[in-house]
């Protein structure tokens, strides 16, 4: 982790941003004290679990959900 002052961060933002995108972490010092930590943002992974309903627990008895789901069919 690298440290940088607020002034240095403002003056060299393009270079700092490039290094952060490559995986570097920066700690920003405000008047000599740690203020914030800058790390790369990574997009969330979307889980595609098409068989999740196969693993679902079936309910015992009529709960009325089938009727509600039937009414909403096509509106999602």
PDB file of N, CA and C in Angstrom:
ATOM      1  N   UNK A   1       0.859  -1.173   0.000  1.00  0.00           N
ATOM      2  CA  UNK A   1       0.000   0.000   0.000  1.00  0.00           C
ATOM      3  C   UNK A   1       0.902   1.231   0.000  1.00  0.00           C
ATOM      4  N   UNK A   2       0.545   2.152  -0.863  1.00  0.00           N
ATOM      5  CA  UNK A   2       1.287   3.404  -0.958  1.00  0.00           C
ATOM      6  C   UNK A   2       0.513   4.491  -0.224  1.00  0.00           C
ATOM      7  N   UNK A   3       1.247   5.483   0.270  1.00  0.00           N
ATOM      8  CA  UNK A   3       0.605   6.629   0.910  1.00  0.00           C
ATOM      9  C   UNK A   3       0.833   7.864   0.055  1.00  0.00           C
ATOM     10  N   UNK A   4      -0.141   8.759   0.085  1.00  0.00           N
ATOM     11  CA  UNK A   4      -0.076   9.979  -0.694  1.00  0.00           C
ATOM     12  C   UNK A   4      -0.844  11.059   0.062  1.00  0.00           C
ATOM     13  N   UNK A   5      -0.373  12.289  -0.008  1.00  0.00           N
ATOM     14  CA  UNK A   5      -1.088  13.390   0.629  1.00  0.00           C
ATOM     15  C   UNK A   5      -2.238  13.835  -0.270  1.00  0.00           C
ATOM     16  N   UNK A   6      -3.154  14.590   0.293  1.00  0.00           N
ATOM     17  CA  UNK A   6      -4.279  15.101  -0.478  1.00  0.00           C
ATOM     18  C   UNK A   6      -3.767  15.955  -1.632  1.00  0.00           C
ATOM     19  N   UNK A   7      -2.787  16.775  -1.377  1.00  0.00           N
ATOM     20  CA  UNK A   7      -2.227  17.642  -2.416  1.00  0.00           C
ATOM     21  C   UNK A   7      -1.608  16.820  -3.549  1.00  0.00           C
ATOM     22  N   UNK A   8      -0.829  15.777  -3.187  1.00  0.00           N
ATOM     23  CA  UNK A   8      -0.218  14.924  -4.203  1.00  0.00           C
ATOM     24  C   UNK A   8      -1.285  14.164  -4.999  1.00  0.00           C
ATOM     25  N   UNK A   9      -2.349  13.744  -4.303  1.00  0.00           N
ATOM     26  CA  UNK A   9      -3.415  13.023  -4.983  1.00  0.00           C
ATOM     27  C   UNK A   9      -4.080  13.912  -6.032  1.00  0.00           C
ATOM     28  N   UNK A  10      -4.356  15.154  -5.669  1.00  0.00           N
ATOM     29  CA  UNK A  10      -4.977  16.075  -6.616  1.00  0.00           C
ATOM     30  C   UNK A  10      -4.075  16.363  -7.806  1.00  0.00           C
ATOM     31  N   UNK A  11      -2.789  16.530  -7.547  1.00  0.00           N
ATOM     32  CA  UNK A  11      -1.851  16.890  -8.607  1.00  0.00           C
ATOM     33  C   UNK A  11      -1.553  15.720  -9.548  1.00  0.00           C
ATOM     34  N   UNK A  12      -1.631  14.496  -9.047  1.00  0.00           N
ATOM     35  CA  UNK A  12      -1.235  13.330  -9.833  1.00  0.00           C
ATOM     36  C   UNK A  12      -2.365  12.314  -9.979  1.00  0.00           C
ATOM     37  N   UNK A  13      -3.607  12.787 -10.036  1.00  0.00           N
ATOM     38  CA  UNK A  13      -4.739  11.867 -10.018  1.00  0.00           C
ATOM     39  C   UNK A  13      -4.719  10.858 -11.167  1.00  0.00           C
ATOM     40  N   UNK A  14      -4.364  11.268 -12.371  1.00  0.00           N
ATOM     41  CA  UNK A  14      -4.388  10.361 -13.519  1.00  0.00           C
ATOM     42  C   UNK A  14      -3.447   9.174 -13.295  1.00  0.00           C
ATOM     43  N   UNK A  15      -2.256   9.442 -12.801  1.00  0.00           N
ATOM     44  CA  UNK A  15      -1.287   8.369 -12.544  1.00  0.00           C
ATOM     45  C   UNK A  15      -1.747   7.486 -11.386  1.00  0.00           C
ATOM     46  N   UNK A  16      -2.271   8.094 -10.341  1.00  0.00           N
ATOM     47  CA  UNK A  16      -2.753   7.323  -9.190  1.00  0.00           C
ATOM     48  C   UNK A  16      -3.920   6.429  -9.611  1.00  0.00           C
ATOM     49  N   UNK A  17      -4.827   6.972 -10.398  1.00  0.00           N
ATOM     50  CA  UNK A  17      -5.971   6.192 -10.860  1.00  0.00           C
ATOM     51  C   UNK A  17      -5.512   5.008 -11.710  1.00  0.00           C
ATOM     52  N   UNK A  18      -4.515   5.213 -12.554  1.00  0.00           N
ATOM     53  CA  UNK A  18      -3.990   4.132 -13.378  1.00  0.00           C
ATOM     54  C   UNK A  18      -3.411   3.017 -12.505  1.00  0.00           C
ATOM     55  N   UNK A  19      -2.659   3.396 -11.480  1.00  0.00           N
ATOM     56  CA  UNK A  19      -2.064   2.405 -10.588  1.00  0.00           C
ATOM     57  C   UNK A  19      -3.140   1.658  -9.783  1.00  0.00           C
ATOM     58  N   UNK A  20      -4.161   2.368  -9.370  1.00  0.00           N
ATOM     59  CA  UNK A  20      -5.255   1.720  -8.633  1.00  0.00           C
ATOM     60  C   UNK A  20      -5.953   0.702  -9.525  1.00  0.00           C
ATOM     61  N   UNK A  21      -6.176   1.052 -10.793  1.00  0.00           N
ATOM     62  CA  UNK A  21      -6.818   0.132 -11.732  1.00  0.00           C
ATOM     63  C   UNK A  21      -5.982  -1.124 -11.943  1.00  0.00           C
ATOM     64  N   UNK A  22      -4.676  -1.026 -11.746  1.00  0.00           N
ATOM     65  CA  UNK A  22      -3.784  -2.176 -11.895  1.00  0.00           C
ATOM     66  C   UNK A  22      -3.660  -2.973 -10.594  1.00  0.00           C
ATOM     67  N   UNK A  23      -4.388  -2.560  -9.545  1.00  0.00           N
ATOM     68  CA  UNK A  23      -4.404  -3.341  -8.315  1.00  0.00           C
ATOM     69  C   UNK A  23      -3.703  -2.708  -7.129  1.00  0.00           C
ATOM     70  N   UNK A  24      -3.094  -1.560  -7.316  1.00  0.00           N
ATOM     71  CA  UNK A  24      -2.407  -0.889  -6.203  1.00  0.00           C
ATOM     72  C   UNK A  24      -3.435  -0.265  -5.259  1.00  0.00           C
ATOM     73  N   UNK A  25      -3.093  -0.169  -3.986  1.00  0.00           N
ATOM     74  CA  UNK A  25      -3.942   0.467  -2.981  1.00  0.00           C
ATOM     75  C   UNK A  25      -3.223   1.705  -2.464  1.00  0.00           C
ATOM     76  N   UNK A  26      -3.973   2.792  -2.315  1.00  0.00           N
ATOM     77  CA  UNK A  26      -3.411   4.038  -1.806  1.00  0.00           C
ATOM     78  C   UNK A  26      -4.131   4.443  -0.538  1.00  0.00           C
ATOM     79  N   UNK A  27      -3.350   4.954   0.410  1.00  0.00           N
ATOM     80  CA  UNK A  27      -3.918   5.543   1.610  1.00  0.00           C
ATOM     81  C   UNK A  27      -3.654   7.042   1.537  1.00  0.00           C
ATOM     82  N   UNK A  28      -4.714   7.827   1.629  1.00  0.00           N
ATOM     83  CA  UNK A  28      -4.597   9.276   1.502  1.00  0.00           C
ATOM     84  C   UNK A  28      -4.433   9.874   2.896  1.00  0.00           C
ATOM     85  N   UNK A  29      -3.411  10.710   3.037  1.00  0.00           N
ATOM     86  CA  UNK A  29      -3.140  11.358   4.316  1.00  0.00           C
ATOM     87  C   UNK A  29      -3.645  12.794   4.277  1.00  0.00           C
ATOM     88  N   UNK A  30      -4.401  13.159   5.275  1.00  0.00           N
ATOM     89  CA  UNK A  30      -4.879  14.528   5.426  1.00  0.00           C
ATOM     90  C   UNK A  30      -4.207  15.100   6.664  1.00  0.00           C
ATOM     91  N   UNK A  31      -3.311  16.059   6.448  1.00  0.00           N
ATOM     92  CA  UNK A  31      -2.509  16.647   7.525  1.00  0.00           C
ATOM     93  C   UNK A  31      -1.714  15.590   8.288  1.00  0.00           C
ATOM     94  N   UNK A  32      -1.210  14.614   7.514  1.00  0.00           N
ATOM     95  CA  UNK A  32      -0.348  13.585   8.082  1.00  0.00           C
ATOM     96  C   UNK A  32      -1.074  12.398   8.692  1.00  0.00           C
ATOM     97  N   UNK A  33      -2.399  12.428   8.721  1.00  0.00           N
ATOM     98  CA  UNK A  33      -3.155  11.324   9.309  1.00  0.00           C
ATOM     99  C   UNK A  33      -3.955  10.607   8.224  1.00  0.00           C
ATOM    100  N   UNK A  34      -4.042   9.275   8.305  1.00  0.00           N
ATOM    101  CA  UNK A  34      -4.812   8.533   7.295  1.00  0.00           C
ATOM    102  C   UNK A  34      -6.256   9.005   7.249  1.00  0.00           C
ATOM    103  N   UNK A  35      -6.724   9.291   6.048  1.00  0.00           N
ATOM    104  CA  UNK A  35      -8.069   9.798   5.863  1.00  0.00           C
ATOM    105  C   UNK A  35      -8.955   8.790   5.130  1.00  0.00           C
ATOM    106  N   UNK A  36      -8.493   8.336   3.977  1.00  0.00           N
ATOM    107  CA  UNK A  36      -9.245   7.365   3.185  1.00  0.00           C
ATOM    108  C   UNK A  36      -8.290   6.368   2.550  1.00  0.00           C
ATOM    109  N   UNK A  37      -8.853   5.252   2.115  1.00  0.00           N
ATOM    110  CA  UNK A  37      -8.099   4.243   1.388  1.00  0.00           C
ATOM    111  C   UNK A  37      -8.749   4.083   0.021  1.00  0.00           C
ATOM    112  N   UNK A  38      -7.946   4.142  -1.017  1.00  0.00           N
ATOM    113  CA  UNK A  38      -8.439   4.007  -2.389  1.00  0.00           C
ATOM    114  C   UNK A  38      -8.062   2.633  -2.925  1.00  0.00           C
ATOM    115  N   UNK A  39      -9.075   1.883  -3.332  1.00  0.00           N
ATOM    116  CA  UNK A  39      -8.868   0.559  -3.914  1.00  0.00           C
ATOM    117  C   UNK A  39      -9.676   0.460  -5.199  1.00  0.00           C
ATOM    118  N   UNK A  40      -9.313  -0.471  -6.048  1.00  0.00           N
ATOM    119  CA  UNK A  40     -10.014  -0.660  -7.318  1.00  0.00           C
ATOM    120  C   UNK A  40     -11.407  -1.224  -7.062  1.00  0.00           C
ATOM    121  N   UNK A  41     -12.362  -0.742  -7.828  1.00  0.00           N
ATOM    122  CA  UNK A  41     -13.724  -1.271  -7.765  1.00  0.00           C
ATOM    123  C   UNK A  41     -13.838  -2.398  -8.780  1.00  0.00           C
ATOM    124  N   UNK A  42     -14.369  -3.504  -8.337  1.00  0.00           N
ATOM    125  CA  UNK A  42     -14.565  -4.643  -9.233  1.00  0.00           C
ATOM    126  C   UNK A  42     -16.060  -4.874  -9.389  1.00  0.00           C
ATOM    127  N   UNK A  43     -16.528  -5.084 -10.610  1.00  0.00           N
ATOM    128  CA  UNK A  43     -17.962  -5.328 -10.794  1.00  0.00           C
ATOM    129  C   UNK A  43     -18.378  -6.631 -10.128  1.00  0.00           C
ATOM    130  N   UNK A  44     -19.608  -6.653  -9.650  1.00  0.00           N
ATOM    131  CA  UNK A  44     -20.127  -7.869  -9.022  1.00  0.00           C
ATOM    132  C   UNK A  44     -20.333  -8.944 -10.071  1.00  0.00           C
ATOM    133  N   UNK A  45     -20.125 -10.178  -9.649  1.00  0.00           N
ATOM    134  CA  UNK A  45     -20.382 -11.303 -10.534  1.00  0.00           C
ATOM    135  C   UNK A  45     -21.837 -11.709 -10.363  1.00  0.00           C
ATOM    136  N   UNK A  46     -22.500 -11.959 -11.468  1.00  0.00           N
ATOM    137  CA  UNK A  46     -23.887 -12.385 -11.423  1.00  0.00           C
ATOM    138  C   UNK A  46     -23.921 -13.905 -11.439  1.00  0.00           C
ATOM    139  N   UNK A  47     -24.575 -14.466 -10.457  1.00  0.00           N
ATOM    140  CA  UNK A  47     -24.674 -15.904 -10.334  1.00  0.00           C
ATOM    141  C   UNK A  47     -25.816 -16.413 -11.201  1.00  0.00           C
ATOM    142  N   UNK A  48     -25.510 -17.308 -12.105  1.00  0.00           N
ATOM    143  CA  UNK A  48     -26.537 -17.909 -12.960  1.00  0.00           C
ATOM    144  C   UNK A  48     -26.788 -19.316 -12.433  1.00  0.00           C
ATOM    145  N   UNK A  49     -27.879 -19.481 -11.707  1.00  0.00           N
ATOM    146  CA  UNK A  49     -28.197 -20.746 -11.064  1.00  0.00           C
ATOM    147  C   UNK A  49     -29.561 -21.184 -11.563  1.00  0.00           C
ATOM    148  N   UNK A  50     -29.575 -21.760 -12.758  1.00  0.00           N
ATOM    149  CA  UNK A  50     -30.837 -22.084 -13.403  1.00  0.00           C
ATOM    150  C   UNK A  50     -31.585 -23.224 -12.723  1.00  0.00           C
ATOM    151  N   UNK A  51     -30.898 -24.077 -11.986  1.00  0.00           N
ATOM    152  CA  UNK A  51     -31.570 -25.216 -11.365  1.00  0.00           C
ATOM    153  C   UNK A  51     -31.935 -24.952  -9.904  1.00  0.00           C
ATOM    154  N   UNK A  52     -32.011 -23.675  -9.505  1.00  0.00           N
ATOM    155  CA  UNK A  52     -32.271 -23.387  -8.098  1.00  0.00           C
ATOM    156  C   UNK A  52     -33.643 -23.864  -7.645  1.00  0.00           C
ATOM    157  N   UNK A  53     -34.626 -23.916  -8.537  1.00  0.00           N
ATOM    158  CA  UNK A  53     -35.950 -24.385  -8.140  1.00  0.00           C
ATOM    159  C   UNK A  53     -35.965 -25.890  -7.896  1.00  0.00           C
ATOM    160  N   UNK A  54     -35.039 -26.618  -8.515  1.00  0.00           N
ATOM    161  CA  UNK A  54     -34.948 -28.055  -8.267  1.00  0.00           C
ATOM    162  C   UNK A  54     -34.538 -28.343  -6.828  1.00  0.00           C
ATOM    163  N   UNK A  55     -33.809 -27.431  -6.218  1.00  0.00           N
ATOM    164  CA  UNK A  55     -33.317 -27.608  -4.857  1.00  0.00           C
ATOM    165  C   UNK A  55     -34.273 -27.039  -3.810  1.00  0.00           C
ATOM    166  N   UNK A  56     -35.323 -26.361  -4.246  1.00  0.00           N
ATOM    167  CA  UNK A  56     -36.258 -25.705  -3.325  1.00  0.00           C
ATOM    168  C   UNK A  56     -37.046 -26.746  -2.519  1.00  0.00           C
ATOM    169  N   UNK A  57     -37.403 -26.357  -1.330  1.00  0.00           N
ATOM    170  CA  UNK A  57     -38.204 -27.219  -0.461  1.00  0.00           C
ATOM    171  C   UNK A  57     -39.662 -27.037  -0.843  1.00  0.00           C
ATOM    172  N   UNK A  58     -40.343 -28.138  -1.038  1.00  0.00           N
ATOM    173  CA  UNK A  58     -41.760 -28.053  -1.388  1.00  0.00           C
ATOM    174  C   UNK A  58     -42.579 -27.902  -0.108  1.00  0.00           C
ATOM    175  N   UNK A  59     -43.637 -27.126  -0.188  1.00  0.00           N
ATOM    176  CA  UNK A  59     -44.484 -26.902   0.984  1.00  0.00           C
ATOM    177  C   UNK A  59     -45.510 -28.019   1.105  1.00  0.00           C
ATOM    178  N   UNK A  60     -45.967 -28.213   2.308  1.00  0.00           N
ATOM    179  CA  UNK A  60     -46.984 -29.221   2.568  1.00  0.00           C
ATOM    180  C   UNK A  60     -48.312 -28.501   2.743  1.00  0.00           C
ATOM    181  N   UNK A  61     -49.286 -28.864   1.951  1.00  0.00           N
ATOM    182  CA  UNK A  61     -50.581 -28.205   2.055  1.00  0.00           C
ATOM    183  C   UNK A  61     -50.681 -27.056   1.070  1.00  0.00           C
ATOM    184  N   UNK A  62     -51.873 -26.485   1.009  1.00  0.00           N
ATOM    185  CA  UNK A  62     -52.131 -25.380   0.080  1.00  0.00           C
ATOM    186  C   UNK A  62     -51.881 -24.061   0.785  1.00  0.00           C
ATOM    187  N   UNK A  63     -50.921 -23.316   0.303  1.00  0.00           N
ATOM    188  CA  UNK A  63     -50.616 -22.024   0.923  1.00  0.00           C
ATOM    189  C   UNK A  63     -51.203 -20.866   0.133  1.00  0.00           C
ATOM    190  N   UNK A  64     -51.754 -21.140  -1.051  1.00  0.00           N
ATOM    191  CA  UNK A  64     -52.347 -20.091  -1.856  1.00  0.00           C
ATOM    192  C   UNK A  64     -51.373 -19.398  -2.776  1.00  0.00           C
ATOM    193  N   UNK A  65     -50.102 -19.778  -2.722  1.00  0.00           N
ATOM    194  CA  UNK A  65     -49.112 -19.108  -3.570  1.00  0.00           C
ATOM    195  C   UNK A  65     -49.285 -19.457  -5.035  1.00  0.00           C
ATOM    196  N   UNK A  66     -49.786 -20.654  -5.322  1.00  0.00           N
ATOM    197  CA  UNK A  66     -49.985 -21.026  -6.723  1.00  0.00           C
ATOM    198  C   UNK A  66     -50.969 -20.086  -7.405  1.00  0.00           C
ATOM    199  N   UNK A  67     -52.007 -19.689  -6.672  1.00  0.00           N
ATOM    200  CA  UNK A  67     -53.005 -18.778  -7.230  1.00  0.00           C
ATOM    201  C   UNK A  67     -52.383 -17.418  -7.519  1.00  0.00           C
ATOM    202  N   UNK A  68     -51.612 -16.911  -6.590  1.00  0.00           N
ATOM    203  CA  UNK A  68     -50.972 -15.607  -6.762  1.00  0.00           C
ATOM    204  C   UNK A  68     -50.000 -15.646  -7.924  1.00  0.00           C
ATOM    205  N   UNK A  69     -49.209 -16.696  -8.004  1.00  0.00           N
ATOM    206  CA  UNK A  69     -48.243 -16.799  -9.095  1.00  0.00           C
ATOM    207  C   UNK A  69     -48.943 -16.922 -10.440  1.00  0.00           C
ATOM    208  N   UNK A  70     -50.051 -17.637 -10.475  1.00  0.00           N
ATOM    209  CA  UNK A  70     -50.796 -17.773 -11.717  1.00  0.00           C
ATOM    210  C   UNK A  70     -51.350 -16.424 -12.175  1.00  0.00           C
ATOM    211  N   UNK A  71     -51.807 -15.591 -11.230  1.00  0.00           N
ATOM    212  CA  UNK A  71     -52.336 -14.283 -11.562  1.00  0.00           C
ATOM    213  C   UNK A  71     -51.244 -13.354 -12.095  1.00  0.00           C
ATOM    214  N   UNK A  72     -50.034 -13.518 -11.630  1.00  0.00           N
ATOM    215  CA  UNK A  72     -48.943 -12.628 -12.022  1.00  0.00           C
ATOM    216  C   UNK A  72     -48.200 -13.120 -13.273  1.00  0.00           C
ATOM    217  N   UNK A  73     -48.530 -14.275 -13.745  1.00  0.00           N
ATOM    218  CA  UNK A  73     -47.825 -14.842 -14.893  1.00  0.00           C
ATOM    219  C   UNK A  73     -47.865 -13.865 -16.073  1.00  0.00           C
ATOM    220  N   UNK A  74     -46.725 -13.614 -16.638  1.00  0.00           N
ATOM    221  CA  UNK A  74     -46.639 -12.716 -17.774  1.00  0.00           C
ATOM    222  C   UNK A  74     -46.429 -11.255 -17.403  1.00  0.00           C
ATOM    223  N   UNK A  75     -46.535 -10.912 -16.128  1.00  0.00           N
ATOM    224  CA  UNK A  75     -46.346  -9.511 -15.721  1.00  0.00           C
ATOM    225  C   UNK A  75     -44.936  -9.266 -15.210  1.00  0.00           C
ATOM    226  N   UNK A  76     -44.102 -10.257 -15.158  1.00  0.00           N
ATOM    227  CA  UNK A  76     -42.749 -10.067 -14.636  1.00  0.00           C
ATOM    228  C   UNK A  76     -41.803  -9.812 -15.748  1.00  0.00           C
TER     229      UNK A  76
END
